[in-house]
Amino acid sequence: MTTALPTTPYAQVREHLLAGREIALLDVREEDPFAQAHPLWAANLPVGRIELDAWTRIPRRDTPVVVFDDGEGLAETAARRLQALGYSEVSLLAGGLQGWRDAGGELFRDVNVPSKSFGELVEAERHTPSLPAEEVKALIESQANVVVLDARRFDEYQTMSIPSGVSVPGAELVLRAAALAPDPSTHIVVNCAGRTRSIIGTQSLVNAGLPNRVTALRNGTIGWLLAGQKLDHGASRRAPEVSPEQQARAAAQARAVADRAGVRRATLADLPAWAAETSRTTYRFDVRTPEEFAHGHLPGFRSAPGGQLVQETDHQAPVRGARIVLADTDGVRANMSASWLAQMGWEVHVLDPLPARALTETGSAPTAVPPPEQPIPLISVATLQGWLAEGSDTVVIDFTPSANYVKRHIPGAWWALRSQLAQGLAHIRRQQPGAQRLVLTCGSSALAAYAVAETARLSPGLSVSLLDGGTQAWIEAGLPLESGETRLAAPRIDRYRRPYEGTDALREAMQGYLDWEFGLVEQLGRDGTHGFKVI
């Protein structure tokens, strides 16, 4: 007999948040419904990805974990999966999302809301300087002494950027600004897609005491487009390397800001004891670029470039109240990132000093995942190719993110969501009633592996196997591919499309996004659990 799951009421979750005690509040729906409404400190962990992501994102197995959905029936499944992975303090949010509403809890839209609302609070309290798109365009066109620094990830910058803009992801700004604007009279303009990273980037340079005039591009690339101005596409300008003198000056500036924010210090000797703690979660992040991380990093640390870490705290550190330790090799990026995390209410330490000889691991950080619940029958790419050539009795089901599926997939493959597997399989059976074999895949088949047993239970009489090496192995074999939304067995709700992304964003959606951001400070006040303190 299955034991009933305990429930945790809204008031108890709120008490944990206000007291700063550890808690992971998990919305287990897909990203799009999550983005429509959720509590401020809810982290999105879709039920279909729990085995892949839980051990990394919630490293301590006795962390209090509270799971919810909005009546879709996903929360109990998610809670049972978490228990099977060894989590001992799992409960359901009483009443789910509706229970939070009924108790008077504030609900937020969009993704990365803690960081976005914090950015709005920073601007409100510090009056971060900004200029409208028309004025920035005039400065660029008049060849004024101005440099535009794009604080987003490089791939976002390449998609669309301000003309003449240079890619300098957020945590790199204080380190590299002097190399890009050595003349103190040079005006520095910081932009992102919307507002948050522009505000945080600009205020970082102001807090560090740069002598230059620094302003944010008001409303980022959204503001630029709404002003009727054209963006560049495919730009590749990056910041130059910094001199030892510039690095030392930036390190001193960053350390002063971190000290003001209450950032704590740690050494390599602290790490083993923290890792062994059974009553406290410690996240360890290397905030340098992914390339630097791959070249050499500390064992046990994960790559989280500082600007994105500050932007995506809910994803990177879903256990609110945990300890965070940051590392770099320059004394700038970790201190600046930590200064913002401390203001967001995190206990954050900078590892200091960090000798190069300690960076003993290379490549990607290993990810711990559980084995599938039972042995999985594997088939090779060559076998699948032969089966597909024989006729229509073999069906390929792809669990990759929908954007990847649309970009390229095995010809004839269906796209499915693991969280809606029963509905997806029923749809496929209706469309291909003669199917005798189901072959599951995704990019590497890592996620699809966890769907094999459930697919077999839901498909009596059919053969179910896993493509060895996934779709990537098919691609590496040089076999044909298909693109587009050719066969969808589920709605594409696995990712929320940001109103500002892509080159075809609607004007109304962009303006609506800005209006939403402007209202975040008021929402923070109503919610009351944020714990933010702006220096």
Protein backbone atom coordinates (compact mmCIF):
# COMPACT_ATOMS: atom_id res chain seq x y z
CA MET A 1 0.00 0.00 0.00
CA THR A 2 1.40 3.40 -0.99
CA THR A 3 1.91 5.81 1.91
CA ALA A 4 0.17 9.16 1.54
CA LEU A 5 2.46 12.08 0.93
CA PRO A 6 2.64 14.79 3.60
CA THR A 7 1.54 18.33 2.76
CA THR A 8 3.08 21.66 3.68
CA PRO A 9 0.82 24.72 3.94
CA TYR A 10 1.58 28.13 2.45
CA ALA A 11 2.22 29.62 5.91
CA GLN A 12 4.97 27.10 6.68
CA VAL A 13 6.74 27.70 3.34
CA ARG A 14 6.58 31.43 3.98
CA GLU A 15 7.98 30.93 7.49
CA HIS A 16 10.98 29.05 6.06
CA LEU A 17 11.64 31.82 3.54
CA LEU A 18 11.40 34.62 6.10
CA ALA A 19 13.65 32.78 8.56
CA GLY A 20 16.27 32.04 5.92
CA ARG A 21 16.01 28.29 6.50
CA GLU A 22 16.73 26.00 3.58
CA ILE A 23 13.81 25.03 1.39
CA ALA A 24 13.36 23.99 -2.23
CA LEU A 25 9.94 25.01 -3.55
CA LEU A 26 9.58 23.14 -6.85
CA ASP A 27 7.10 23.80 -9.63
CA VAL A 28 7.16 20.52 -11.56
CA ARG A 29 5.18 21.70 -14.59
CA GLU A 30 6.85 22.45 -17.89
CA GLU A 31 8.51 25.84 -18.29
CA ASP A 32 5.70 27.58 -20.17
CA PRO A 33 2.94 26.98 -17.59
CA PHE A 34 5.48 27.72 -14.84
CA ALA A 35 6.14 31.10 -16.46
CA GLN A 36 2.46 32.01 -16.44
CA ALA A 37 2.19 32.04 -12.62
CA HIS A 38 4.35 30.87 -9.72
CA PRO A 39 5.60 32.03 -6.29
CA LEU A 40 8.67 34.26 -6.20
CA TRP A 41 11.05 31.59 -4.90
CA ALA A 42 9.64 28.65 -6.83
CA ALA A 43 12.19 26.86 -8.99
CA ASN A 44 11.10 25.07 -12.15
CA LEU A 45 12.05 21.38 -12.20
CA PRO A 46 9.79 19.63 -14.74
CA VAL A 47 8.70 16.19 -13.63
CA GLY A 48 10.14 14.64 -16.79
CA ARG A 49 13.67 15.83 -15.97
CA ILE A 50 13.87 14.96 -12.29
CA GLU A 51 16.28 12.03 -12.67
CA LEU A 52 18.64 14.11 -14.83
CA ASP A 53 18.66 17.29 -12.77
CA ALA A 54 17.67 16.71 -9.14
CA TRP A 55 20.95 15.47 -7.68
CA THR A 56 22.85 18.39 -9.20
CA ARG A 57 20.36 21.12 -8.41
CA ILE A 58 19.38 19.85 -4.93
CA PRO A 59 22.57 18.16 -3.71
CA ARG A 60 21.55 17.46 -0.10
CA ARG A 61 19.04 14.60 0.06
CA ASP A 62 17.41 15.72 3.33
CA THR A 63 16.67 19.23 2.10
CA PRO A 64 13.04 20.18 2.77
CA VAL A 65 11.46 19.89 -0.70
CA VAL A 66 7.93 21.15 -1.36
CA VAL A 67 6.44 20.16 -4.72
CA PHE A 68 3.44 21.61 -6.54
CA ASP A 69 1.55 21.86 -9.81
CA ASP A 70 -1.70 23.58 -10.76
CA GLY A 71 -3.99 20.58 -10.77
CA GLU A 72 -2.35 18.72 -13.67
CA GLY A 73 -1.65 15.65 -11.53
CA LEU A 74 2.15 15.96 -11.86
CA ALA A 75 3.09 16.83 -8.27
CA GLU A 76 2.56 13.41 -6.73
CA THR A 77 4.48 11.68 -9.52
CA ALA A 78 7.32 14.15 -9.02
CA ALA A 79 7.33 13.66 -5.26
CA ARG A 80 7.49 9.86 -5.63
CA ARG A 81 10.38 10.19 -8.07
CA LEU A 82 12.23 12.43 -5.65
CA GLN A 83 11.68 9.95 -2.85
CA ALA A 84 13.01 7.17 -5.08
CA LEU A 85 16.15 9.27 -5.59
CA GLY A 86 16.70 9.38 -1.83
CA TYR A 87 15.10 12.67 -0.82
CA SER A 88 13.66 12.14 2.64
CA GLU A 89 11.84 15.42 3.35
CA VAL A 90 9.47 15.64 0.36
CA SER A 91 5.98 17.06 0.68
CA LEU A 92 3.22 18.49 -1.49
CA LEU A 93 2.27 22.15 -1.29
CA ALA A 94 -1.17 22.13 0.33
CA GLY A 95 -3.70 22.89 -2.39
CA GLY A 96 -1.01 23.27 -5.05
CA LEU A 97 -0.72 26.58 -6.86
CA GLN A 98 -4.39 27.30 -6.19
CA GLY A 99 -3.74 26.79 -2.48
CA TRP A 100 -1.02 29.44 -2.68
CA ARG A 101 -3.47 31.81 -4.39
CA ASP A 102 -6.23 31.11 -1.88
CA ALA A 103 -3.88 31.81 1.04
CA GLY A 104 -3.11 35.25 -0.39
CA GLY A 105 0.31 34.38 -1.76
CA GLU A 106 1.71 36.63 -4.48
CA LEU A 107 2.18 35.06 -7.93
CA PHE A 108 4.72 36.17 -10.52
CA ARG A 109 4.94 35.75 -14.28
CA ASP A 110 7.92 34.98 -16.53
CA VAL A 111 11.19 33.22 -15.65
CA ASN A 112 14.19 34.19 -13.46
CA VAL A 113 11.85 36.41 -11.50
CA PRO A 114 13.99 36.78 -8.34
CA SER A 115 16.80 38.29 -10.39
CA LYS A 116 14.57 40.45 -12.57
CA SER A 117 12.64 41.85 -9.64
CA PHE A 118 15.92 42.47 -7.79
CA GLY A 119 17.23 44.42 -10.80
CA GLU A 120 14.15 46.63 -10.74
CA LEU A 121 14.64 47.23 -7.01
CA VAL A 122 18.28 48.20 -7.63
CA GLU A 123 17.24 50.78 -10.20
CA ALA A 124 14.51 52.12 -7.95
CA GLU A 125 16.80 52.52 -4.96
CA ARG A 126 20.06 53.53 -6.65
CA HIS A 127 18.54 55.50 -9.57
CA THR A 128 20.81 53.66 -12.00
CA PRO A 129 21.48 56.08 -14.90
CA SER A 130 20.07 55.21 -18.30
CA LEU A 131 19.55 56.72 -21.73
CA PRO A 132 16.75 56.08 -24.23
CA ALA A 133 17.52 54.31 -27.49
CA GLU A 134 17.22 57.49 -29.56
CA GLU A 135 19.98 59.24 -27.59
CA VAL A 136 22.30 56.24 -27.74
CA LYS A 137 21.76 55.94 -31.49
CA ALA A 138 22.61 59.62 -31.90
CA LEU A 139 25.82 59.16 -29.91
CA ILE A 140 26.89 56.22 -32.08
CA GLU A 141 26.06 57.93 -35.36
CA SER A 142 27.85 61.14 -34.39
CA GLN A 143 30.95 59.06 -33.60
CA ALA A 144 30.99 60.39 -30.06
CA ASN A 145 33.48 59.01 -27.57
CA VAL A 146 31.19 56.14 -26.57
CA VAL A 147 31.45 52.36 -26.32
CA VAL A 148 28.47 49.99 -26.09
CA LEU A 149 28.97 46.85 -23.97
CA ASP A 150 26.50 43.97 -24.31
CA ALA A 151 26.12 42.17 -20.96
CA ARG A 152 24.30 39.06 -22.28
CA ARG A 153 25.70 35.66 -23.21
CA PHE A 154 27.71 35.67 -26.43
CA ASP A 155 25.11 33.58 -28.29
CA GLU A 156 22.38 36.09 -27.39
CA TYR A 157 24.61 38.93 -28.53
CA GLN A 158 25.23 37.18 -31.86
CA THR A 159 21.49 36.78 -32.47
CA MET A 160 20.88 40.52 -32.25
CA SER A 161 22.95 43.41 -30.95
CA ILE A 162 23.24 47.18 -30.89
CA PRO A 163 25.34 48.46 -33.83
CA SER A 164 29.00 48.80 -32.71
CA GLY A 165 28.27 46.85 -29.50
CA VAL A 166 30.91 44.58 -27.98
CA SER A 167 30.12 41.33 -26.14
CA VAL A 168 31.13 41.61 -22.47
CA PRO A 169 28.99 39.18 -20.43
CA GLY A 170 27.95 40.63 -17.06
CA ALA A 171 30.64 39.35 -14.70
CA GLU A 172 33.33 40.41 -17.19
CA LEU A 173 32.36 44.10 -17.16
CA VAL A 174 34.41 45.34 -14.21
CA LEU A 175 37.35 43.18 -15.32
CA ARG A 176 37.39 44.36 -18.94
CA ALA A 177 35.82 47.82 -19.06
CA ALA A 178 39.12 49.64 -18.63
CA ALA A 179 40.61 47.76 -21.60
CA LEU A 180 37.68 48.85 -23.76
CA ALA A 181 37.47 52.39 -22.41
CA PRO A 182 40.95 53.37 -21.14
CA ASP A 183 40.10 57.05 -21.59
CA PRO A 184 38.12 58.21 -18.51
CA SER A 185 36.15 60.55 -20.76
CA THR A 186 34.75 57.63 -22.78
CA HIS A 187 31.04 57.16 -22.18
CA ILE A 188 30.17 53.50 -21.47
CA VAL A 189 26.67 52.27 -22.38
CA VAL A 190 25.60 48.83 -21.10
CA ASN A 191 22.79 46.90 -22.76
CA CYS A 192 20.96 43.60 -22.58
CA ALA A 193 17.72 42.40 -24.18
CA GLY A 194 15.40 44.03 -21.66
CA ARG A 195 16.34 45.68 -18.40
CA THR A 196 17.87 43.44 -15.72
CA ARG A 197 21.37 42.79 -17.02
CA SER A 198 21.63 46.39 -18.28
CA ILE A 199 20.80 47.68 -14.80
CA ILE A 200 23.03 45.24 -12.92
CA GLY A 201 25.90 45.73 -15.39
CA THR A 202 25.71 49.51 -15.25
CA GLN A 203 25.43 49.55 -11.48
CA SER A 204 28.39 47.14 -11.23
CA LEU A 205 30.61 49.67 -13.00
CA VAL A 206 29.21 52.50 -10.89
CA ASN A 207 29.71 50.53 -7.67
CA ALA A 208 33.28 49.69 -8.68
CA GLY A 209 34.05 53.38 -9.03
CA LEU A 210 34.99 53.61 -12.70
CA PRO A 211 35.82 57.21 -13.60
CA ASN A 212 33.85 57.00 -16.85
CA ARG A 213 30.29 58.10 -17.33
CA VAL A 214 28.26 54.88 -17.33
CA THR A 215 24.63 54.51 -18.41
CA ALA A 216 22.30 51.65 -19.23
CA LEU A 217 20.56 51.50 -22.59
CA ARG A 218 17.04 52.01 -21.30
CA ASN A 219 14.99 48.86 -21.98
CA GLY A 220 17.80 47.22 -23.96
CA THR A 221 17.28 45.81 -27.42
CA ILE A 222 13.52 45.91 -26.77
CA GLY A 223 13.72 49.66 -26.34
CA TRP A 224 15.88 49.89 -29.43
CA LEU A 225 13.31 48.05 -31.57
CA LEU A 226 10.37 49.92 -30.08
CA ALA A 227 12.12 53.15 -31.11
CA GLY A 228 12.03 51.88 -34.71
CA GLN A 229 15.79 51.34 -34.91
CA LYS A 230 17.62 48.44 -36.54
CA LEU A 231 19.74 45.85 -34.79
CA ASP A 232 22.84 44.04 -36.03
CA HIS A 233 22.81 40.26 -36.46
CA GLY A 234 25.78 37.90 -36.33
CA ALA A 235 28.20 40.32 -34.66
CA SER A 236 31.32 38.79 -33.11
CA ARG A 237 33.14 41.60 -31.32
CA ARG A 238 34.63 40.54 -27.98
CA ALA A 239 36.53 42.35 -25.26
CA PRO A 240 40.35 42.26 -25.43
CA GLU A 241 42.58 40.70 -22.80
CA VAL A 242 43.41 42.94 -19.86
CA SER A 243 46.85 44.00 -18.71
CA PRO A 244 48.18 42.94 -15.28
CA GLU A 245 47.77 46.52 -14.09
CA GLN A 246 44.14 46.66 -15.24
CA GLN A 247 43.40 43.30 -13.62
CA ALA A 248 44.96 44.36 -10.29
CA ARG A 249 43.02 47.63 -10.27
CA ALA A 250 39.76 45.86 -11.09
CA ALA A 251 40.41 43.26 -8.38
CA ALA A 252 40.82 45.95 -5.76
CA GLN A 253 37.65 47.68 -6.92
CA ALA A 254 35.66 44.43 -6.91
CA ARG A 255 36.93 43.42 -3.46
CA ALA A 256 35.83 46.76 -2.03
CA VAL A 257 32.32 46.32 -3.44
CA ALA A 258 32.11 42.75 -2.13
CA ASP A 259 33.20 43.82 1.33
CA ARG A 260 30.53 46.54 1.39
CA ALA A 261 27.90 43.96 0.42
CA GLY A 262 28.88 41.57 3.21
CA VAL A 263 30.52 38.88 1.09
CA ARG A 264 32.39 36.32 3.19
CA ARG A 265 35.80 34.76 2.56
CA ALA A 266 36.68 31.08 2.21
CA THR A 267 39.80 29.02 1.56
CA LEU A 268 40.39 25.61 0.01
CA ALA A 269 40.58 24.20 3.54
CA ASP A 270 36.92 25.08 4.16
CA LEU A 271 35.58 23.04 1.25
CA PRO A 272 35.89 19.46 2.61
CA ALA A 273 34.07 20.30 5.83
CA TRP A 274 31.26 22.05 3.98
CA ALA A 275 30.94 19.16 1.55
CA ALA A 276 30.59 16.76 4.47
CA GLU A 277 27.86 18.75 6.22
CA THR A 278 24.56 16.92 6.46
CA SER A 279 22.49 19.90 7.59
CA ARG A 280 23.54 22.54 5.08
CA THR A 281 23.61 22.81 1.27
CA THR A 282 26.69 24.32 -0.34
CA TYR A 283 26.69 25.28 -4.03
CA ARG A 284 30.12 25.67 -5.62
CA PHE A 285 30.34 27.74 -8.81
CA ASP A 286 33.22 28.78 -11.06
CA VAL A 287 32.14 32.15 -12.49
CA ARG A 288 34.72 32.43 -15.25
CA THR A 289 33.92 31.75 -18.90
CA PRO A 290 33.01 28.18 -19.93
CA GLU A 291 36.23 28.04 -21.96
CA GLU A 292 38.35 28.88 -18.93
CA PHE A 293 36.44 26.38 -16.83
CA ALA A 294 37.05 23.61 -19.36
CA HIS A 295 40.75 24.41 -19.44
CA GLY A 296 41.07 23.86 -15.68
CA HIS A 297 38.83 24.10 -12.61
CA LEU A 298 38.50 22.99 -9.01
CA PRO A 299 37.06 19.52 -8.34
CA GLY A 300 33.42 19.71 -7.33
CA PHE A 301 32.77 23.11 -8.89
CA ARG A 302 30.27 23.74 -11.68
CA SER A 303 30.56 26.28 -14.46
CA ALA A 304 28.22 29.25 -13.95
CA PRO A 305 29.50 32.44 -15.61
CA GLY A 306 28.86 35.19 -13.09
CA GLY A 307 26.47 37.37 -15.04
CA GLN A 308 24.20 34.45 -15.85
CA LEU A 309 24.44 33.11 -12.30
CA VAL A 310 23.11 36.40 -10.94
CA GLN A 311 20.45 36.37 -13.67
CA GLU A 312 19.40 32.74 -13.07
CA THR A 313 19.71 32.11 -9.34
CA ASP A 314 16.42 30.20 -9.31
CA HIS A 315 17.81 27.68 -11.78
CA GLN A 316 21.37 27.40 -10.51
CA ALA A 317 20.55 27.41 -6.79
CA PRO A 318 16.94 26.30 -6.22
CA VAL A 319 17.53 25.67 -2.50
CA ARG A 320 16.78 29.07 -0.99
CA GLY A 321 18.84 29.60 2.16
CA ALA A 322 21.80 27.55 0.92
CA ARG A 323 25.44 28.61 1.09
CA ILE A 324 27.12 29.65 -2.18
CA VAL A 325 30.87 29.56 -2.83
CA LEU A 326 32.32 31.31 -5.88
CA ALA A 327 35.73 30.89 -7.52
CA ASP A 328 37.73 32.70 -10.18
CA THR A 329 41.42 33.29 -10.87
CA ASP A 330 41.44 37.08 -11.09
CA GLY A 331 39.73 38.38 -7.95
CA VAL A 332 37.22 40.36 -9.99
CA ARG A 333 34.44 38.19 -11.37
CA ALA A 334 33.75 36.20 -8.20
CA ASN A 335 33.73 39.30 -6.00
CA MET A 336 31.40 41.25 -8.28
CA SER A 337 29.03 38.29 -8.71
CA ALA A 338 29.11 37.64 -4.97
CA SER A 339 28.33 41.28 -4.21
CA TRP A 340 25.01 40.92 -6.03
CA LEU A 341 24.16 37.52 -4.55
CA ALA A 342 24.78 38.88 -1.05
CA GLN A 343 22.39 41.75 -1.76
CA MET A 344 19.83 39.16 -2.88
CA GLY A 345 19.96 37.59 0.57
CA TRP A 346 22.33 34.69 -0.05
CA GLU A 347 25.14 33.62 2.26
CA VAL A 348 27.94 33.84 -0.27
CA HIS A 349 31.67 33.20 0.08
CA VAL A 350 34.50 33.94 -2.34
CA LEU A 351 37.29 31.40 -2.47
CA ASP A 352 40.39 33.42 -1.88
CA PRO A 353 43.21 32.96 -2.80
CA LEU A 354 43.01 30.38 -5.59
CA PRO A 355 46.37 29.11 -6.88
CA ALA A 356 46.50 27.88 -10.47
CA ARG A 357 47.86 24.50 -9.31
CA ALA A 358 44.51 23.81 -7.63
CA LEU A 359 42.68 23.76 -10.99
CA THR A 360 43.23 20.06 -11.48
CA GLU A 361 40.13 19.05 -13.43
CA THR A 362 39.46 19.78 -17.09
CA GLY A 363 36.49 19.55 -19.41
CA SER A 364 32.89 19.53 -18.22
CA ALA A 365 32.00 18.84 -14.61
CA PRO A 366 30.68 15.29 -14.12
CA THR A 367 26.95 15.02 -13.48
CA ALA A 368 25.61 12.41 -11.07
CA VAL A 369 22.46 10.68 -12.33
CA PRO A 370 20.72 7.50 -11.16
CA PRO A 371 20.65 4.37 -13.30
CA PRO A 372 17.33 3.60 -15.06
CA GLU A 373 14.98 1.47 -13.02
CA GLN A 374 15.62 -1.67 -15.13
CA PRO A 375 17.95 -2.87 -17.91
CA ILE A 376 17.27 -1.13 -21.20
CA PRO A 377 17.32 -2.81 -24.62
CA LEU A 378 19.62 -0.78 -26.85
CA ILE A 379 19.64 -0.72 -30.63
CA SER A 380 22.26 0.73 -32.92
CA VAL A 381 21.83 3.44 -35.53
CA ALA A 382 22.36 0.83 -38.25
CA THR A 383 19.59 -1.37 -36.84
CA LEU A 384 17.18 1.56 -36.65
CA GLN A 385 18.05 2.58 -40.17
CA GLY A 386 17.23 -0.92 -41.38
CA TRP A 387 13.94 -1.07 -39.48
CA LEU A 388 12.80 2.27 -40.87
CA ALA A 389 13.67 1.15 -44.39
CA GLU A 390 11.52 -1.98 -43.99
CA GLY A 391 8.22 -0.16 -43.43
CA SER A 392 5.96 1.70 -41.05
CA ASP A 393 5.89 -0.69 -38.11
CA THR A 394 8.75 1.16 -36.35
CA VAL A 395 8.02 4.48 -34.64
CA VAL A 396 10.74 6.80 -33.33
CA ILE A 397 9.81 8.99 -30.35
CA ASP A 398 12.10 11.94 -29.57
CA PHE A 399 12.20 13.48 -26.05
CA THR A 400 14.71 16.21 -26.85
CA PRO A 401 13.74 19.84 -26.11
CA SER A 402 11.20 20.88 -28.72
CA ALA A 403 13.48 23.59 -30.12
CA ASN A 404 16.11 20.95 -30.86
CA TYR A 405 13.50 18.70 -32.48
CA VAL A 406 12.30 21.51 -34.74
CA LYS A 407 15.88 22.24 -35.73
CA ARG A 408 16.64 18.63 -36.71
CA HIS A 409 15.41 15.13 -36.00
CA ILE A 410 15.34 11.62 -37.45
CA PRO A 411 12.94 11.53 -40.41
CA GLY A 412 9.50 10.41 -39.29
CA ALA A 413 10.24 10.84 -35.58
CA TRP A 414 7.51 12.04 -33.24
CA TRP A 415 8.23 14.64 -30.58
CA ALA A 416 6.86 13.86 -27.13
CA LEU A 417 6.91 15.19 -23.58
CA ARG A 418 7.66 12.71 -20.85
CA SER A 419 5.30 14.61 -18.54
CA GLN A 420 2.47 13.88 -21.01
CA LEU A 421 3.64 10.44 -22.07
CA ALA A 422 0.29 8.61 -21.84
CA GLN A 423 -1.46 11.24 -23.94
CA GLY A 424 1.39 11.33 -26.43
CA LEU A 425 1.47 7.57 -26.90
CA ALA A 426 -2.28 7.49 -27.39
CA HIS A 427 -1.99 10.15 -30.09
CA ILE A 428 0.79 8.25 -31.85
CA ARG A 429 -1.19 4.99 -31.78
CA ARG A 430 -4.13 6.74 -33.40
CA GLN A 431 -1.90 8.15 -36.14
CA GLN A 432 0.16 4.96 -36.67
CA PRO A 433 -2.03 2.03 -35.58
CA GLY A 434 0.24 -0.50 -37.28
CA ALA A 435 3.26 0.26 -35.09
CA GLN A 436 4.99 -2.79 -33.63
CA ARG A 437 8.22 -1.23 -32.38
CA LEU A 438 8.86 1.99 -30.44
CA VAL A 439 12.41 3.39 -30.44
CA LEU A 440 13.06 6.20 -27.98
CA THR A 441 15.71 8.86 -28.43
CA CYS A 442 16.77 12.38 -27.54
CA GLY A 443 20.03 14.24 -28.15
CA SER A 444 22.17 11.68 -26.33
CA SER A 445 19.38 9.31 -25.19
CA ALA A 446 20.14 10.27 -21.56
CA LEU A 447 16.64 11.61 -20.89
CA ALA A 448 14.89 9.08 -23.13
CA ALA A 449 16.44 6.26 -21.10
CA TYR A 450 14.21 7.15 -18.14
CA ALA A 451 11.10 6.95 -20.32
CA VAL A 452 11.69 3.40 -21.55
CA ALA A 453 10.14 1.48 -18.64
CA GLU A 454 7.09 3.75 -18.46
CA THR A 455 6.61 3.59 -22.23
CA ALA A 456 6.74 -0.20 -22.07
CA ARG A 457 4.11 -0.27 -19.29
CA LEU A 458 1.84 1.99 -21.36
CA SER A 459 2.40 0.03 -24.59
CA PRO A 460 1.60 -3.66 -23.95
CA GLY A 461 2.42 -5.90 -26.87
CA LEU A 462 4.88 -3.45 -28.42
CA SER A 463 8.67 -3.71 -28.45
CA VAL A 464 10.31 -0.69 -26.75
CA SER A 465 14.01 0.05 -27.10
CA LEU A 466 16.46 2.93 -26.82
CA LEU A 467 18.65 4.32 -29.60
CA ASP A 468 22.25 3.87 -28.49
CA GLY A 469 23.94 7.27 -28.56
CA GLY A 470 20.69 9.06 -29.36
CA THR A 471 20.02 11.36 -32.26
CA GLN A 472 23.59 12.60 -32.04
CA ALA A 473 24.81 9.14 -33.09
CA TRP A 474 22.42 9.27 -36.08
CA ILE A 475 23.83 12.68 -37.02
CA GLU A 476 27.43 11.50 -36.65
CA ALA A 477 26.65 8.60 -38.96
CA GLY A 478 25.82 11.15 -41.65
CA LEU A 479 22.24 9.95 -42.04
CA PRO A 480 19.39 12.14 -43.35
CA LEU A 481 17.59 14.55 -41.05
CA GLU A 482 14.26 16.32 -41.03
CA SER A 483 13.32 19.71 -39.58
CA GLY A 484 10.20 21.58 -38.53
CA GLU A 485 7.15 20.70 -36.43
CA THR A 486 6.52 17.60 -38.50
CA ARG A 487 5.01 15.28 -35.87
CA LEU A 488 4.07 16.69 -32.48
CA ALA A 489 2.56 14.29 -29.94
CA ALA A 490 2.39 17.04 -27.30
CA PRO A 491 2.06 20.82 -27.20
CA ARG A 492 5.36 22.71 -27.19
CA ILE A 493 5.11 23.87 -23.59
CA ASP A 494 8.57 22.71 -22.53
CA ARG A 495 9.99 26.18 -23.06
CA TYR A 496 8.53 29.60 -22.46
CA ARG A 497 9.31 31.95 -25.30
CA ARG A 498 10.66 35.17 -23.85
CA PRO A 499 8.86 38.19 -25.32
CA TYR A 500 12.18 39.76 -26.32
CA GLU A 501 13.90 36.80 -27.97
CA GLY A 502 14.34 36.12 -31.65
CA THR A 503 14.10 38.55 -34.50
CA ASP A 504 10.33 38.36 -34.97
CA ALA A 505 9.16 39.45 -31.52
CA LEU A 506 5.84 41.27 -31.58
CA ARG A 507 5.80 44.94 -30.60
CA GLU A 508 2.85 44.40 -28.23
CA ALA A 509 4.60 41.52 -26.50
CA MET A 510 7.80 43.54 -26.03
CA GLN A 511 5.93 46.50 -24.58
CA GLY A 512 3.92 44.19 -22.35
CA TYR A 513 7.14 42.67 -21.05
CA LEU A 514 8.51 46.10 -20.13
CA ASP A 515 5.25 47.03 -18.41
CA TRP A 516 5.49 43.80 -16.39
CA GLU A 517 9.06 44.58 -15.32
CA PHE A 518 8.05 48.05 -14.20
CA GLY A 519 5.53 46.48 -11.81
CA LEU A 520 7.91 44.06 -10.12
CA VAL A 521 8.97 46.33 -7.25
CA GLU A 522 5.35 46.70 -6.19
CA GLN A 523 4.94 42.93 -6.36
CA LEU A 524 8.01 42.44 -4.19
CA GLY A 525 6.45 44.67 -1.57
CA ARG A 526 3.24 42.65 -1.55
CA ASP A 527 5.11 39.34 -1.41
CA GLY A 528 7.43 40.30 1.43
CA THR A 529 9.74 37.24 1.30
CA HIS A 530 12.52 38.53 -0.95
CA GLY A 531 15.16 39.45 1.66
CA PHE A 532 16.87 41.87 -0.75
CA LYS A 533 19.07 44.67 0.60
CA VAL A 534 20.61 47.07 -1.92
CA ILE A 535 23.89 48.70 -0.95
